[in-house]
């Protein structure tokens, strides 16, 4: 009985192709949230870095998390 090298690598090839084809929704939400954050951050930059509300880094991170959460909600509902 002889086996070709392709027969052993076929499941791995299918796995790699499938992973690239079906990108997990969480990664999609992070990428989409990052683009939302890129749109909102310049608009709110002065308010964020004024330090009136919170530490600027924490406020910036929480804005990013809100953008990721909103994009995940959009992906789930649409």
Protein backbone atom coordinates (compact mmCIF):
# COMPACT_ATOMS: atom_id res chain seq x y z
CA UNK A 1 0.00 0.00 0.00
CA UNK A 2 1.44 3.31 -0.97
CA UNK A 3 0.37 6.72 0.22
CA UNK A 4 1.24 9.99 -1.36
CA UNK A 5 2.49 12.94 0.65
CA UNK A 6 -0.57 14.93 -0.38
CA UNK A 7 -2.97 12.49 1.27
CA UNK A 8 -1.36 13.08 4.67
CA UNK A 9 -1.29 16.84 4.29
CA UNK A 10 -4.85 17.24 3.01
CA UNK A 11 -6.51 17.67 6.44
CA UNK A 12 -3.93 20.28 7.42
CA UNK A 13 -4.47 22.12 4.14
CA UNK A 14 -8.23 22.03 4.68
CA UNK A 15 -7.78 23.34 8.21
CA UNK A 16 -5.61 26.27 7.11
CA UNK A 17 -7.91 27.12 4.21
CA UNK A 18 -10.99 26.82 6.41
CA UNK A 19 -9.49 29.04 9.10
CA UNK A 20 -8.71 31.74 6.57
CA UNK A 21 -12.12 31.40 4.95
CA UNK A 22 -14.19 31.43 8.14
CA UNK A 23 -12.56 34.18 10.15
CA UNK A 24 -13.86 34.05 13.74
CA UNK A 25 -16.48 36.72 14.53
CA UNK A 26 -14.49 38.04 17.50
CA UNK A 27 -11.55 38.93 15.26
CA UNK A 28 -13.94 40.53 12.80
CA UNK A 29 -15.38 42.58 15.65
CA UNK A 30 -11.92 43.68 16.79
CA UNK A 31 -10.97 44.80 13.27
CA UNK A 32 -14.28 46.57 12.73
CA UNK A 33 -14.09 48.13 16.19
CA UNK A 34 -10.60 49.36 15.45
CA UNK A 35 -11.88 51.21 12.38
CA UNK A 36 -14.73 52.70 14.43
CA UNK A 37 -12.17 53.76 17.02
CA UNK A 38 -10.06 55.35 14.27
CA UNK A 39 -13.07 57.43 13.29
CA UNK A 40 -14.05 58.46 16.83
CA UNK A 41 -10.64 59.02 18.39
CA UNK A 42 -9.68 62.19 16.47
CA UNK A 43 -13.09 63.69 17.25
CA UNK A 44 -12.76 63.07 21.00
CA UNK A 45 -8.97 63.48 21.36
CA UNK A 46 -9.05 66.87 23.10
CA UNK A 47 -11.66 65.70 25.59
CA UNK A 48 -9.84 62.42 26.25
CA UNK A 49 -6.43 63.96 26.86
CA UNK A 50 -7.73 66.85 28.98
CA UNK A 51 -7.90 64.52 31.99
CA UNK A 52 -11.20 65.96 33.23
CA UNK A 53 -13.04 62.67 33.37
CA UNK A 54 -10.53 59.84 33.74
CA UNK A 55 -6.95 58.91 33.02
CA UNK A 56 -6.45 59.40 29.25
CA UNK A 57 -5.15 55.87 28.63
CA UNK A 58 -8.06 54.27 30.47
CA UNK A 59 -10.58 56.43 28.67
CA UNK A 60 -8.97 55.62 25.34
CA UNK A 61 -9.01 51.90 26.11
CA UNK A 62 -12.62 52.01 27.25
CA UNK A 63 -13.57 53.81 24.04
CA UNK A 64 -11.89 51.03 22.07
CA UNK A 65 -13.74 48.35 24.07
CA UNK A 66 -17.04 50.14 23.44
CA UNK A 67 -16.28 50.25 19.71
CA UNK A 68 -15.46 46.52 19.67
CA UNK A 69 -18.64 45.73 21.61
CA UNK A 70 -20.73 47.83 19.23
CA UNK A 71 -19.19 46.17 16.19
CA UNK A 72 -19.80 42.70 17.66
CA UNK A 73 -23.41 43.67 18.25
CA UNK A 74 -23.65 44.85 14.63
CA UNK A 75 -22.16 41.60 13.36
CA UNK A 76 -24.56 39.53 15.42
CA UNK A 77 -27.71 41.45 14.52
CA UNK A 78 -27.03 41.90 10.80
